[in-house]
Amino acid sequence: MSEGPVPLDAAWLRAHPLPVHGDGDKNERGRVLLVGGSARVPGGVRLTAEAAFQSGAGKVQLAVPDMLAIPLGVLLPEAGMFALPTDEAGEIAGTGPVEELLDHCDCLAIGPAMGSADVAGRILDAILPRANACSVILDAAAVAAGHDRLPLLRRMAGRLILTPHAGEMAALTGKDRDVVTQDRTRILVQLAQDLGAVVILKGPTTMLAGPGGDTALYGGGGAGLATGGSGDVLTGIIAGLSARGLGDWEAACWGVWLHGEAGRRLSERHGPMGFLARQLPAEIPSLMRGF
């Protein structure tokens, strides 16, 4: 256990290097499976997928509402698409081929661009018991859905990453948002230890906690990162790094740093606010090149 939060800086990054890949094929860099999307936010999972690719993942597969599969496939010709049944609200209504894909998945991300915690909860019930080997990232609605499924999340101990902001953390823990904000270190560490998970509490200063009590801080991204789709990008970065072979703690810390530094670079070039989440992924390869 660390004595206090470790700053995510150049010294930390050099002490925890990225995987080195040889001249093998794309399977060497791992497979990411994304389950998410909705009619209300039809392009959100595109951000997650692009971030996973730009973080170095070899393959990215998307399981999305059927109405989105073809448009996203055209926008993302590098990715595999799997159409899922959709309900009247434009949310995923069944997991379809996802269960078969789990056996060939290195990192599973659930929740990006989903609008309903109830729907996300049903997906967790169907998929998590069958996700026996891969790392799992829960984002957005899937985090909130965890409140009623804590025993299920505990079964994922050692390979679970959660990415809530303060509101989602409040929904997950059942605590008031102000309490989460004011007592974030204690609540974050307690949750990470209870679930055996890496938990990232996003905010102006992002804090991470691991199951062993380790904590880390990053505060350099700037106000421009508080924009629609930014969290979808962060999930994709972490998923790509996890698929490449980084451990959950290292993937989460590297992901937070890369996401923040991408925001910092854009703010320096364009101004502190007004850049778009879809501009973030293109910054990632050159940021990784320095390490």
C-alpha atoms as a PDB file:
ATOM      1  CA  MET A   1       0.000   0.000   0.000  1.00  0.00           C
ATOM      2  CA  SER A   2       1.343   3.474  -0.841  1.00  0.00           C
ATOM      3  CA  GLU A   3       1.682   6.078   1.918  1.00  0.00           C
ATOM      4  CA  GLY A   4      -0.178   8.647  -0.150  1.00  0.00           C
ATOM      5  CA  PRO A   5      -1.349   9.300  -3.697  1.00  0.00           C
ATOM      6  CA  VAL A   6       1.409   8.900  -6.253  1.00  0.00           C
ATOM      7  CA  PRO A   7       1.554  11.649  -8.894  1.00  0.00           C
ATOM      8  CA  LEU A   8       1.225  10.331 -12.434  1.00  0.00           C
ATOM      9  CA  ASP A   9       4.310  11.948 -13.924  1.00  0.00           C
ATOM     10  CA  ALA A  10       7.288  11.073 -16.106  1.00  0.00           C
ATOM     11  CA  ALA A  11       9.020   9.246 -13.261  1.00  0.00           C
ATOM     12  CA  TRP A  12       6.009   6.984 -12.701  1.00  0.00           C
ATOM     13  CA  LEU A  13       5.626   6.320 -16.425  1.00  0.00           C
ATOM     14  CA  ARG A  14       9.266   5.311 -16.846  1.00  0.00           C
ATOM     15  CA  ALA A  15       8.999   2.990 -13.872  1.00  0.00           C
ATOM     16  CA  HIS A  16       5.949   1.308 -15.455  1.00  0.00           C
ATOM     17  CA  PRO A  17       6.786   1.004 -19.176  1.00  0.00           C
ATOM     18  CA  LEU A  18       4.340   0.168 -21.904  1.00  0.00           C
ATOM     19  CA  PRO A  19       4.469  -3.317 -23.452  1.00  0.00           C
ATOM     20  CA  VAL A  20       6.965  -3.765 -26.252  1.00  0.00           C
ATOM     21  CA  HIS A  21       5.572  -5.614 -29.261  1.00  0.00           C
ATOM     22  CA  GLY A  22       7.607  -7.340 -31.909  1.00  0.00           C
ATOM     23  CA  ASP A  23       6.837  -7.847 -35.564  1.00  0.00           C
ATOM     24  CA  GLY A  24       3.981 -10.264 -34.898  1.00  0.00           C
ATOM     25  CA  ASP A  25       0.460  -9.908 -36.268  1.00  0.00           C
ATOM     26  CA  LYS A  26      -2.327  -7.818 -34.809  1.00  0.00           C
ATOM     27  CA  ASN A  27      -3.438 -10.583 -32.440  1.00  0.00           C
ATOM     28  CA  GLU A  28      -0.265 -10.027 -30.445  1.00  0.00           C
ATOM     29  CA  ARG A  29      -1.600  -6.614 -29.414  1.00  0.00           C
ATOM     30  CA  GLY A  30      -4.858  -8.028 -28.151  1.00  0.00           C
ATOM     31  CA  ARG A  31      -8.586  -7.804 -28.799  1.00  0.00           C
ATOM     32  CA  VAL A  32     -11.005  -5.292 -27.336  1.00  0.00           C
ATOM     33  CA  LEU A  33     -14.745  -5.958 -27.226  1.00  0.00           C
ATOM     34  CA  LEU A  34     -16.979  -2.920 -26.676  1.00  0.00           C
ATOM     35  CA  VAL A  35     -20.624  -3.340 -25.690  1.00  0.00           C
ATOM     36  CA  GLY A  36     -22.557  -0.092 -25.724  1.00  0.00           C
ATOM     37  CA  GLY A  37     -24.224   2.595 -27.767  1.00  0.00           C
ATOM     38  CA  SER A  38     -27.806   3.813 -28.032  1.00  0.00           C
ATOM     39  CA  ALA A  39     -30.012   5.753 -30.421  1.00  0.00           C
ATOM     40  CA  ARG A  40     -29.666   8.790 -28.185  1.00  0.00           C
ATOM     41  CA  VAL A  41     -25.848   8.810 -28.434  1.00  0.00           C
ATOM     42  CA  PRO A  42     -25.206   6.927 -31.673  1.00  0.00           C
ATOM     43  CA  GLY A  43     -21.603   8.010 -32.135  1.00  0.00           C
ATOM     44  CA  GLY A  44     -20.252   7.585 -28.613  1.00  0.00           C
ATOM     45  CA  VAL A  45     -18.826   4.110 -29.083  1.00  0.00           C
ATOM     46  CA  ARG A  46     -16.970   5.360 -32.146  1.00  0.00           C
ATOM     47  CA  LEU A  47     -14.895   7.509 -29.785  1.00  0.00           C
ATOM     48  CA  THR A  48     -14.169   4.526 -27.556  1.00  0.00           C
ATOM     49  CA  ALA A  49     -13.182   2.314 -30.473  1.00  0.00           C
ATOM     50  CA  GLU A  50     -10.908   4.913 -32.051  1.00  0.00           C
ATOM     51  CA  ALA A  51      -9.184   5.504 -28.718  1.00  0.00           C
ATOM     52  CA  ALA A  52      -8.631   1.767 -28.293  1.00  0.00           C
ATOM     53  CA  PHE A  53      -7.062   1.517 -31.741  1.00  0.00           C
ATOM     54  CA  GLN A  54      -4.889   4.598 -31.239  1.00  0.00           C
ATOM     55  CA  SER A  55      -3.685   3.151 -27.939  1.00  0.00           C
ATOM     56  CA  GLY A  56      -2.327   0.190 -29.852  1.00  0.00           C
ATOM     57  CA  ALA A  57      -4.998  -2.522 -29.651  1.00  0.00           C
ATOM     58  CA  GLY A  58      -4.692  -5.013 -32.497  1.00  0.00           C
ATOM     59  CA  LYS A  59      -8.415  -5.688 -32.941  1.00  0.00           C
ATOM     60  CA  VAL A  60     -11.526  -3.845 -31.789  1.00  0.00           C
ATOM     61  CA  GLN A  61     -15.014  -5.331 -32.027  1.00  0.00           C
ATOM     62  CA  LEU A  62     -18.221  -3.426 -31.311  1.00  0.00           C
ATOM     63  CA  ALA A  63     -21.503  -4.969 -30.151  1.00  0.00           C
ATOM     64  CA  VAL A  64     -24.059  -2.213 -30.666  1.00  0.00           C
ATOM     65  CA  PRO A  65     -27.774  -1.633 -31.328  1.00  0.00           C
ATOM     66  CA  ASP A  66     -28.614  -3.060 -34.737  1.00  0.00           C
ATOM     67  CA  MET A  67     -29.515   0.337 -36.191  1.00  0.00           C
ATOM     68  CA  LEU A  68     -25.965   1.529 -35.555  1.00  0.00           C
ATOM     69  CA  ALA A  69     -23.959  -1.412 -36.842  1.00  0.00           C
ATOM     70  CA  ILE A  70     -23.784  -0.438 -40.525  1.00  0.00           C
ATOM     71  CA  PRO A  71     -23.250   3.336 -40.039  1.00  0.00           C
ATOM     72  CA  LEU A  72     -20.523   2.692 -37.463  1.00  0.00           C
ATOM     73  CA  GLY A  73     -18.980   0.048 -39.692  1.00  0.00           C
ATOM     74  CA  VAL A  74     -18.668   2.596 -42.480  1.00  0.00           C
ATOM     75  CA  LEU A  75     -17.149   5.151 -40.112  1.00  0.00           C
ATOM     76  CA  LEU A  76     -14.832   2.550 -38.548  1.00  0.00           C
ATOM     77  CA  PRO A  77     -13.731   0.208 -41.327  1.00  0.00           C
ATOM     78  CA  GLU A  78     -10.952  -1.099 -39.057  1.00  0.00           C
ATOM     79  CA  ALA A  79     -13.425  -2.514 -36.519  1.00  0.00           C
ATOM     80  CA  GLY A  80     -15.665  -5.565 -36.430  1.00  0.00           C
ATOM     81  CA  MET A  81     -19.392  -4.933 -35.941  1.00  0.00           C
ATOM     82  CA  PHE A  82     -21.989  -7.133 -34.260  1.00  0.00           C
ATOM     83  CA  ALA A  83     -25.628  -6.024 -34.373  1.00  0.00           C
ATOM     84  CA  LEU A  84     -27.662  -6.484 -31.190  1.00  0.00           C
ATOM     85  CA  PRO A  85     -31.463  -6.384 -30.879  1.00  0.00           C
ATOM     86  CA  THR A  86     -32.811  -2.998 -29.889  1.00  0.00           C
ATOM     87  CA  ASP A  87     -35.818  -1.923 -27.832  1.00  0.00           C
ATOM     88  CA  GLU A  88     -38.268   0.883 -28.638  1.00  0.00           C
ATOM     89  CA  ALA A  89     -36.108   3.423 -26.801  1.00  0.00           C
ATOM     90  CA  GLY A  90     -33.097   2.606 -28.963  1.00  0.00           C
ATOM     91  CA  GLU A  91     -31.256   0.730 -26.209  1.00  0.00           C
ATOM     92  CA  ILE A  92     -29.703  -2.732 -26.420  1.00  0.00           C
ATOM     93  CA  ALA A  93     -32.350  -5.407 -25.805  1.00  0.00           C
ATOM     94  CA  GLY A  94     -30.242  -8.572 -25.879  1.00  0.00           C
ATOM     95  CA  THR A  95     -26.624  -9.676 -25.911  1.00  0.00           C
ATOM     96  CA  GLY A  96     -26.858 -11.961 -28.971  1.00  0.00           C
ATOM     97  CA  PRO A  97     -23.392 -12.970 -30.208  1.00  0.00           C
ATOM     98  CA  VAL A  98     -21.500 -11.293 -27.365  1.00  0.00           C
ATOM     99  CA  GLU A  99     -21.191 -14.441 -25.284  1.00  0.00           C
ATOM    100  CA  GLU A 100     -19.388 -16.263 -28.108  1.00  0.00           C
ATOM    101  CA  LEU A 101     -16.960 -13.364 -28.511  1.00  0.00           C
ATOM    102  CA  LEU A 102     -15.884 -13.427 -24.867  1.00  0.00           C
ATOM    103  CA  ASP A 103     -13.663 -16.472 -25.363  1.00  0.00           C
ATOM    104  CA  HIS A 104     -11.483 -14.494 -27.776  1.00  0.00           C
ATOM    105  CA  CYS A 105     -11.448 -11.173 -25.932  1.00  0.00           C
ATOM    106  CA  ASP A 106      -8.576  -9.676 -23.925  1.00  0.00           C
ATOM    107  CA  CYS A 107     -10.477  -6.651 -22.610  1.00  0.00           C
ATOM    108  CA  LEU A 108     -14.244  -6.161 -22.391  1.00  0.00           C
ATOM    109  CA  ALA A 109     -15.677  -2.639 -21.987  1.00  0.00           C
ATOM    110  CA  ILE A 110     -19.370  -2.217 -21.160  1.00  0.00           C
ATOM    111  CA  GLY A 111     -21.370   0.992 -20.956  1.00  0.00           C
ATOM    112  CA  PRO A 112     -20.009   3.680 -23.296  1.00  0.00           C
ATOM    113  CA  ALA A 113     -22.817   5.767 -24.817  1.00  0.00           C
ATOM    114  CA  MET A 114     -25.581   3.793 -23.116  1.00  0.00           C
ATOM    115  CA  GLY A 115     -28.403   5.844 -21.654  1.00  0.00           C
ATOM    116  CA  SER A 116     -30.151   3.417 -19.297  1.00  0.00           C
ATOM    117  CA  ALA A 117     -28.763   1.910 -16.100  1.00  0.00           C
ATOM    118  CA  ASP A 118     -31.566  -0.657 -16.158  1.00  0.00           C
ATOM    119  CA  VAL A 119     -30.532  -1.855 -19.610  1.00  0.00           C
ATOM    120  CA  ALA A 120     -26.873  -1.821 -18.610  1.00  0.00           C
ATOM    121  CA  GLY A 121     -27.753  -3.899 -15.572  1.00  0.00           C
ATOM    122  CA  ARG A 122     -29.394  -6.581 -17.685  1.00  0.00           C
ATOM    123  CA  ILE A 123     -26.306  -6.686 -19.878  1.00  0.00           C
ATOM    124  CA  LEU A 124     -24.077  -7.106 -16.825  1.00  0.00           C
ATOM    125  CA  ASP A 125     -26.279  -9.956 -15.602  1.00  0.00           C
ATOM    126  CA  ALA A 126     -26.004 -11.716 -18.955  1.00  0.00           C
ATOM    127  CA  ILE A 127     -22.331 -11.154 -19.727  1.00  0.00           C
ATOM    128  CA  LEU A 128     -20.256 -10.881 -16.557  1.00  0.00           C
ATOM    129  CA  PRO A 129     -20.837 -14.461 -15.343  1.00  0.00           C
ATOM    130  CA  ARG A 130     -19.420 -15.647 -18.682  1.00  0.00           C
ATOM    131  CA  ALA A 131     -16.471 -13.253 -18.826  1.00  0.00           C
ATOM    132  CA  ASN A 132     -14.099 -15.686 -17.199  1.00  0.00           C
ATOM    133  CA  ALA A 133     -10.684 -14.592 -18.430  1.00  0.00           C
ATOM    134  CA  CYS A 134     -10.619 -11.041 -19.791  1.00  0.00           C
ATOM    135  CA  SER A 135     -10.209  -7.753 -17.979  1.00  0.00           C
ATOM    136  CA  VAL A 136     -13.480  -5.823 -17.692  1.00  0.00           C
ATOM    137  CA  ILE A 137     -14.049  -2.054 -17.759  1.00  0.00           C
ATOM    138  CA  LEU A 138     -17.391  -0.618 -16.662  1.00  0.00           C
ATOM    139  CA  ASP A 139     -18.243   2.911 -17.749  1.00  0.00           C
ATOM    140  CA  ALA A 140     -21.189   5.299 -17.521  1.00  0.00           C
ATOM    141  CA  ALA A 141     -24.543   3.509 -17.156  1.00  0.00           C
ATOM    142  CA  ALA A 142     -22.799   0.209 -16.407  1.00  0.00           C
ATOM    143  CA  VAL A 143     -21.170   1.780 -13.339  1.00  0.00           C
ATOM    144  CA  ALA A 144     -24.491   3.034 -12.002  1.00  0.00           C
ATOM    145  CA  ALA A 145     -26.013  -0.399 -12.626  1.00  0.00           C
ATOM    146  CA  GLY A 146     -23.404  -1.924 -10.339  1.00  0.00           C
ATOM    147  CA  HIS A 147     -25.169  -0.578  -7.251  1.00  0.00           C
ATOM    148  CA  ASP A 148     -27.636  -3.489  -7.270  1.00  0.00           C
ATOM    149  CA  ARG A 149     -24.991  -6.007  -8.360  1.00  0.00           C
ATOM    150  CA  LEU A 150     -22.120  -5.625  -5.936  1.00  0.00           C
ATOM    151  CA  PRO A 151     -21.824  -9.400  -5.336  1.00  0.00           C
ATOM    152  CA  LEU A 152     -21.516  -9.890  -9.100  1.00  0.00           C
ATOM    153  CA  LEU A 153     -18.824  -7.212  -9.293  1.00  0.00           C
ATOM    154  CA  ARG A 154     -16.917  -8.823  -6.428  1.00  0.00           C
ATOM    155  CA  ARG A 155     -16.736 -12.015  -8.469  1.00  0.00           C
ATOM    156  CA  MET A 156     -14.656 -10.028 -10.981  1.00  0.00           C
ATOM    157  CA  ALA A 157     -12.037  -9.136  -8.349  1.00  0.00           C
ATOM    158  CA  GLY A 158      -8.565  -8.769  -9.776  1.00  0.00           C
ATOM    159  CA  ARG A 159      -9.671  -7.895 -13.314  1.00  0.00           C
ATOM    160  CA  LEU A 160     -12.226  -5.095 -12.955  1.00  0.00           C
ATOM    161  CA  ILE A 161     -11.806  -1.375 -13.708  1.00  0.00           C
ATOM    162  CA  LEU A 162     -14.514   1.200 -12.963  1.00  0.00           C
ATOM    163  CA  THR A 163     -14.472   4.722 -14.453  1.00  0.00           C
ATOM    164  CA  PRO A 164     -17.108   6.852 -12.655  1.00  0.00           C
ATOM    165  CA  HIS A 165     -17.421  10.590 -12.317  1.00  0.00           C
ATOM    166  CA  ALA A 166     -18.811  11.878  -9.015  1.00  0.00           C
ATOM    167  CA  GLY A 167     -22.453  11.382 -10.002  1.00  0.00           C
ATOM    168  CA  GLU A 168     -21.906   7.803 -11.125  1.00  0.00           C
ATOM    169  CA  MET A 169     -19.858   7.131  -8.009  1.00  0.00           C
ATOM    170  CA  ALA A 170     -22.772   8.371  -5.916  1.00  0.00           C
ATOM    171  CA  ALA A 171     -25.159   6.054  -7.781  1.00  0.00           C
ATOM    172  CA  LEU A 172     -22.812   3.097  -7.346  1.00  0.00           C
ATOM    173  CA  THR A 173     -22.175   3.596  -3.638  1.00  0.00           C
ATOM    174  CA  GLY A 174     -25.604   4.974  -2.667  1.00  0.00           C
ATOM    175  CA  LYS A 175     -23.980   8.046  -1.149  1.00  0.00           C
ATOM    176  CA  ASP A 176     -24.791  11.688  -1.761  1.00  0.00           C
ATOM    177  CA  ARG A 177     -22.702  13.309  -4.500  1.00  0.00           C
ATOM    178  CA  ASP A 178     -21.438  16.001  -2.128  1.00  0.00           C
ATOM    179  CA  VAL A 179     -20.288  13.320   0.296  1.00  0.00           C
ATOM    180  CA  VAL A 180     -18.418  11.558  -2.511  1.00  0.00           C
ATOM    181  CA  THR A 181     -16.702  14.808  -3.458  1.00  0.00           C
ATOM    182  CA  GLN A 182     -15.790  15.837   0.086  1.00  0.00           C
ATOM    183  CA  ASP A 183     -14.595  12.414   1.258  1.00  0.00           C
ATOM    184  CA  ARG A 184     -13.387  10.992  -2.013  1.00  0.00           C
ATOM    185  CA  THR A 185     -10.146   9.388  -0.843  1.00  0.00           C
ATOM    186  CA  ARG A 186     -11.736   7.276   1.868  1.00  0.00           C
ATOM    187  CA  ILE A 187     -14.730   6.292  -0.257  1.00  0.00           C
ATOM    188  CA  LEU A 188     -12.588   5.511  -3.290  1.00  0.00           C
ATOM    189  CA  VAL A 189     -10.098   3.357  -1.400  1.00  0.00           C
ATOM    190  CA  GLN A 190     -12.862   1.551   0.482  1.00  0.00           C
ATOM    191  CA  LEU A 191     -14.719   0.723  -2.744  1.00  0.00           C
ATOM    192  CA  ALA A 192     -11.589  -0.461  -4.545  1.00  0.00           C
ATOM    193  CA  GLN A 193     -10.713  -2.777  -1.674  1.00  0.00           C
ATOM    194  CA  ASP A 194     -14.281  -4.056  -1.290  1.00  0.00           C
ATOM    195  CA  LEU A 195     -14.607  -4.954  -4.979  1.00  0.00           C
ATOM    196  CA  GLY A 196     -10.997  -5.938  -5.592  1.00  0.00           C
ATOM    197  CA  ALA A 197     -11.060  -3.434  -8.449  1.00  0.00           C
ATOM    198  CA  VAL A 198      -9.236  -0.446  -9.831  1.00  0.00           C
ATOM    199  CA  VAL A 199     -11.523   2.579  -9.479  1.00  0.00           C
ATOM    200  CA  ILE A 200     -10.983   5.891 -11.265  1.00  0.00           C
ATOM    201  CA  LEU A 201     -12.877   8.885  -9.897  1.00  0.00           C
ATOM    202  CA  LYS A 202     -12.862  11.404 -12.729  1.00  0.00           C
ATOM    203  CA  GLY A 203     -12.829  15.130 -12.076  1.00  0.00           C
ATOM    204  CA  PRO A 204     -10.670  18.276 -12.309  1.00  0.00           C
ATOM    205  CA  THR A 205      -8.130  16.216 -10.384  1.00  0.00           C
ATOM    206  CA  THR A 206      -8.601  12.543 -11.193  1.00  0.00           C
ATOM    207  CA  MET A 207      -7.866  10.059  -8.430  1.00  0.00           C
ATOM    208  CA  LEU A 208      -7.327   6.328  -8.779  1.00  0.00           C
ATOM    209  CA  ALA A 209      -7.358   3.572  -6.168  1.00  0.00           C
ATOM    210  CA  GLY A 210      -6.332  -0.054  -6.470  1.00  0.00           C
ATOM    211  CA  PRO A 211      -7.445  -3.122  -4.547  1.00  0.00           C
ATOM    212  CA  GLY A 212      -4.256  -3.106  -2.484  1.00  0.00           C
ATOM    213  CA  GLY A 213      -4.811   0.441  -1.240  1.00  0.00           C
ATOM    214  CA  ASP A 214      -2.527   2.165  -3.742  1.00  0.00           C
ATOM    215  CA  THR A 215      -3.681   5.598  -4.877  1.00  0.00           C
ATOM    216  CA  ALA A 216      -2.598   7.941  -7.670  1.00  0.00           C
ATOM    217  CA  LEU A 217      -3.453  11.462  -8.794  1.00  0.00           C
ATOM    218  CA  TYR A 218      -3.501  13.311 -12.086  1.00  0.00           C
ATOM    219  CA  GLY A 219      -4.552  16.934 -12.401  1.00  0.00           C
ATOM    220  CA  GLY A 220      -3.052  18.307 -15.570  1.00  0.00           C
ATOM    221  CA  GLY A 221      -5.646  17.858 -18.310  1.00  0.00           C
ATOM    222  CA  GLY A 222      -7.439  21.178 -18.086  1.00  0.00           C
ATOM    223  CA  ALA A 223     -11.047  22.310 -18.201  1.00  0.00           C
ATOM    224  CA  GLY A 224     -11.449  21.467 -21.886  1.00  0.00           C
ATOM    225  CA  LEU A 225     -11.644  17.764 -21.051  1.00  0.00           C
ATOM    226  CA  ALA A 226     -15.030  18.368 -19.439  1.00  0.00           C
ATOM    227  CA  THR A 227     -16.836  17.869 -22.731  1.00  0.00           C
ATOM    228  CA  GLY A 228     -19.230  15.329 -24.199  1.00  0.00           C
ATOM    229  CA  GLY A 229     -17.552  12.061 -25.176  1.00  0.00           C
ATOM    230  CA  SER A 230     -14.375  12.647 -23.193  1.00  0.00           C
ATOM    231  CA  GLY A 231     -15.116   9.759 -20.841  1.00  0.00           C
ATOM    232  CA  ASP A 232     -15.798   7.452 -23.797  1.00  0.00           C
ATOM    233  CA  VAL A 233     -12.300   8.217 -25.041  1.00  0.00           C
ATOM    234  CA  LEU A 234     -10.738   7.473 -21.651  1.00  0.00           C
ATOM    235  CA  THR A 235     -12.442   4.079 -21.550  1.00  0.00           C
ATOM    236  CA  GLY A 236     -11.118   3.269 -24.999  1.00  0.00           C
ATOM    237  CA  ILE A 237      -7.551   4.212 -24.097  1.00  0.00           C
ATOM    238  CA  ILE A 238      -7.598   1.991 -21.023  1.00  0.00           C
ATOM    239  CA  ALA A 239      -9.175  -0.859 -22.991  1.00  0.00           C
ATOM    240  CA  GLY A 240      -6.512  -0.665 -25.686  1.00  0.00           C
ATOM    241  CA  LEU A 241      -3.685  -0.682 -23.155  1.00  0.00           C
ATOM    242  CA  SER A 242      -5.249  -3.549 -21.241  1.00  0.00           C
ATOM    243  CA  ALA A 243      -5.628  -5.606 -24.405  1.00  0.00           C
ATOM    244  CA  ARG A 244      -1.944  -5.035 -25.135  1.00  0.00           C
ATOM    245  CA  GLY A 245      -1.047  -6.708 -21.856  1.00  0.00           C
ATOM    246  CA  LEU A 246      -0.754  -3.999 -19.214  1.00  0.00           C
ATOM    247  CA  GLY A 247      -2.087  -4.909 -15.778  1.00  0.00           C
ATOM    248  CA  ASP A 248      -5.270  -3.200 -14.646  1.00  0.00           C
ATOM    249  CA  TRP A 249      -3.529  -0.696 -12.380  1.00  0.00           C
ATOM    250  CA  GLU A 250      -0.943   0.263 -14.981  1.00  0.00           C
ATOM    251  CA  ALA A 251      -3.515   0.444 -17.786  1.00  0.00           C
ATOM    252  CA  ALA A 252      -5.759   2.710 -15.729  1.00  0.00           C
ATOM    253  CA  CYS A 253      -2.933   5.026 -14.658  1.00  0.00           C
ATOM    254  CA  TRP A 254      -1.441   5.227 -18.141  1.00  0.00           C
ATOM    255  CA  GLY A 255      -4.907   5.785 -19.574  1.00  0.00           C
ATOM    256  CA  VAL A 256      -5.633   8.688 -17.253  1.00  0.00           C
ATOM    257  CA  TRP A 257      -2.268  10.269 -18.061  1.00  0.00           C
ATOM    258  CA  LEU A 258      -2.594   9.856 -21.836  1.00  0.00           C
ATOM    259  CA  HIS A 259      -6.151  11.205 -21.798  1.00  0.00           C
ATOM    260  CA  GLY A 260      -5.130  14.197 -19.713  1.00  0.00           C
ATOM    261  CA  GLU A 261      -2.016  14.972 -21.702  1.00  0.00           C
ATOM    262  CA  ALA A 262      -3.977  14.753 -24.947  1.00  0.00           C
ATOM    263  CA  GLY A 263      -6.285  17.401 -23.516  1.00  0.00           C
ATOM    264  CA  ARG A 264      -3.325  19.518 -22.427  1.00  0.00           C
ATOM    265  CA  ARG A 265      -1.808  19.412 -25.906  1.00  0.00           C
ATOM    266  CA  LEU A 266      -5.069  20.397 -27.562  1.00  0.00           C
ATOM    267  CA  SER A 267      -5.585  23.251 -25.111  1.00  0.00           C
ATOM    268  CA  GLU A 268      -2.112  24.583 -25.889  1.00  0.00           C
ATOM    269  CA  ARG A 269      -2.778  24.549 -29.623  1.00  0.00           C
ATOM    270  CA  HIS A 270      -6.434  25.589 -29.752  1.00  0.00           C
ATOM    271  CA  GLY A 271      -7.255  27.235 -26.439  1.00  0.00           C
ATOM    272  CA  PRO A 272      -8.356  25.905 -23.058  1.00  0.00           C
ATOM    273  CA  MET A 273     -11.901  25.056 -24.182  1.00  0.00           C
ATOM    274  CA  GLY A 274     -13.755  24.244 -27.361  1.00  0.00           C
ATOM    275  CA  PHE A 275     -11.838  21.254 -28.699  1.00  0.00           C
ATOM    276  CA  LEU A 276     -13.817  18.074 -29.258  1.00  0.00           C
ATOM    277  CA  ALA A 277     -13.528  14.651 -27.665  1.00  0.00           C
ATOM    278  CA  ARG A 278     -12.968  13.129 -31.101  1.00  0.00           C
ATOM    279  CA  GLN A 279      -9.742  15.131 -31.392  1.00  0.00           C
ATOM    280  CA  LEU A 280      -8.203  13.407 -28.360  1.00  0.00           C
ATOM    281  CA  PRO A 281      -7.385   9.930 -29.760  1.00  0.00           C
ATOM    282  CA  ALA A 282      -5.073  11.247 -32.499  1.00  0.00           C
ATOM    283  CA  GLU A 283      -2.755  12.651 -29.825  1.00  0.00           C
ATOM    284  CA  ILE A 284      -2.164   9.289 -28.154  1.00  0.00           C
ATOM    285  CA  PRO A 285       0.433   7.613 -30.427  1.00  0.00           C
ATOM    286  CA  SER A 286       2.895  10.500 -30.223  1.00  0.00           C
ATOM    287  CA  LEU A 287       2.432  10.748 -26.451  1.00  0.00           C
ATOM    288  CA  MET A 288       3.279   7.053 -26.104  1.00  0.00           C
ATOM    289  CA  ARG A 289       6.300   7.432 -28.385  1.00  0.00           C
ATOM    290  CA  GLY A 290       8.137   9.414 -25.705  1.00  0.00           C
ATOM    291  CA  PHE A 291       8.128   6.385 -23.409  1.00  0.00           C
END
